[in-house]
Protein backbone atom coordinates (compact mmCIF):
# COMPACT_ATOMS: atom_id res chain seq x y z
CA MET A 1 0.05 0.03 0.10
CA ARG A 2 1.29 3.40 -0.81
CA GLY A 3 -0.63 6.66 -0.48
CA TRP A 4 2.25 8.81 -0.79
CA SER A 5 5.11 9.51 -3.54
CA ARG A 6 8.58 10.61 -3.98
CA PHE A 7 7.71 12.20 -7.27
CA ALA A 8 7.46 15.94 -7.67
CA THR A 9 3.94 15.69 -9.39
CA LEU A 10 1.45 16.76 -6.80
CA PHE A 11 -1.79 15.58 -8.53
CA GLY A 12 -3.06 14.47 -11.90
CA GLY A 13 -3.51 11.23 -14.03
CA ASP A 14 -1.36 10.10 -16.85
CA ARG A 15 -2.78 12.83 -19.20
CA TYR A 16 -1.95 15.64 -16.83
CA ALA A 17 0.33 17.99 -18.82
CA ASP A 18 2.34 19.07 -15.68
CA ARG A 19 3.50 15.57 -14.70
CA SER A 20 7.12 15.32 -13.67
CA ALA A 21 9.38 12.22 -13.08
CA VAL A 22 11.64 14.30 -10.99
CA LEU A 23 12.30 12.60 -7.69
CA LEU A 24 11.89 14.73 -4.37
CA VAL A 25 14.79 15.41 -2.02
CA PRO A 26 14.06 14.09 1.63
CA GLY A 27 14.65 16.80 4.21
CA GLN A 28 14.39 19.44 1.49
CA ASP A 29 11.01 18.62 -0.41
CA ALA A 30 7.62 17.68 0.91
CA ALA A 31 6.64 14.02 -0.02
CA ARG A 32 3.44 13.96 -1.67
CA ILE A 33 0.15 12.37 -0.60
CA ARG A 34 -1.77 11.40 -3.84
CA ALA A 35 -4.98 9.85 -4.69
CA MET A 36 -6.68 9.28 -1.36
CA PHE A 37 -10.26 7.87 -2.09
CA THR A 38 -12.39 5.62 -0.07
CA ALA A 39 -15.15 3.61 -1.62
CA PRO A 40 -18.44 4.81 -0.30
CA GLY A 41 -19.28 1.60 1.28
CA PHE A 42 -16.09 1.85 3.36
CA ALA A 43 -16.47 5.38 4.49
CA ARG A 44 -16.13 6.18 8.32
CA ARG A 45 -14.48 2.85 9.04
CA GLY A 46 -10.92 4.10 9.41
CA VAL A 47 -9.55 2.92 6.09
CA GLY A 48 -8.51 6.45 5.17
CA SER A 49 -7.02 7.12 8.51
CA ALA A 50 -4.98 3.90 8.38
CA ILE A 51 -3.64 4.75 4.88
CA MET A 52 -2.74 8.12 6.16
CA ALA A 53 -0.92 6.78 9.18
CA ALA A 54 0.94 4.40 7.11
CA SER A 55 1.97 6.93 4.50
CA GLU A 56 3.16 9.45 7.02
CA ALA A 57 5.31 6.69 8.76
CA ALA A 58 6.72 5.49 5.56
CA ALA A 59 7.58 9.00 4.34
CA ARG A 60 9.08 9.81 7.58
CA LYS A 61 11.17 6.54 7.52
CA ALA A 62 12.28 7.66 4.07
CA GLY A 63 13.60 10.95 5.44
CA PHE A 64 10.87 13.45 4.69
CA ASP A 65 9.95 16.02 7.18
CA LYS A 66 6.97 17.35 5.42
CA LEU A 67 3.93 16.37 3.45
CA ALA A 68 2.13 18.04 0.78
CA LEU A 69 -1.22 17.26 -1.10
CA MET A 70 -3.89 18.75 -3.18
CA ALA A 71 -7.44 18.22 -1.62
CA THR A 72 -10.86 18.30 -3.16
CA LEU A 73 -13.16 20.48 -1.32
CA SER A 74 -14.88 17.36 0.27
CA GLY A 75 -11.42 16.03 1.54
CA VAL A 76 -10.37 19.29 3.27
CA PRO A 77 -12.04 18.27 6.72
CA PHE A 78 -10.61 14.89 6.65
CA TYR A 79 -7.05 16.31 6.02
CA GLU A 80 -7.47 19.06 8.60
CA SER A 81 -8.40 16.35 11.20
CA HIS A 82 -5.06 14.72 10.37
CA GLY A 83 -2.97 17.98 11.02
CA PHE A 84 -2.91 19.31 7.43
CA VAL A 85 -2.91 23.13 6.98
CA ALA A 86 -4.92 24.61 4.00
CA GLU A 87 -3.34 27.21 1.74
CA PRO A 88 -5.31 29.45 -0.55
CA GLY A 89 -7.45 27.39 -3.14
CA ILE A 90 -6.89 27.19 -6.61
CA THR A 91 -8.83 26.14 -9.77
CA VAL A 92 -7.64 23.71 -12.33
CA ASP A 93 -9.21 23.20 -15.73
CA ALA A 94 -10.07 19.57 -16.31
CA ASP A 95 -10.99 19.19 -19.92
CA GLY A 96 -12.98 22.28 -19.85
CA ILE A 97 -14.40 21.75 -16.20
CA ALA A 98 -13.24 24.26 -13.57
CA VAL A 99 -12.37 21.95 -10.47
CA PRO A 100 -11.48 23.70 -7.17
CA PHE A 101 -8.71 22.25 -5.17
CA VAL A 102 -6.95 23.29 -1.85
CA PRO A 103 -3.19 22.73 -1.56
CA MET A 104 -2.40 21.52 2.06
CA THR A 105 0.79 20.80 3.93
CA LYS A 106 1.74 19.10 7.24
CA ALA A 107 5.03 19.10 9.04
CA LEU A 108 6.25 15.69 10.23
CA HIS A 109 7.74 15.38 13.48
CA THR A 110 9.92 12.54 14.71
CA PRO A 111 8.04 10.59 17.70
CA ASP A 112 9.70 10.87 20.77
CA ALA A 113 12.16 8.13 21.36
CA SER A 114 11.04 7.93 25.12
């Protein structure tokens, strides 16, 4: 399972023009949380929280100290509940449809060794 990425592209499918194969630098760049969706029949069962916890732990283990994502409006409350901070929203043209998104970030702190 991987809900995070080392690639610079923040969001978008294979047809997204701004995709980049550039790898992020741990300790300098923010690891990316990508494509967090839960099937409606499994909503509110902890699946998204489990994926988020595993993604944060894996990104931290890989040396990243920050996460970034691009949230849909319906996802903002979920990400805020997991410590992400919203930045000013943007609108992206998706094949002629204006889609609002909210960039969000979260600092990763190393758990206490005690």
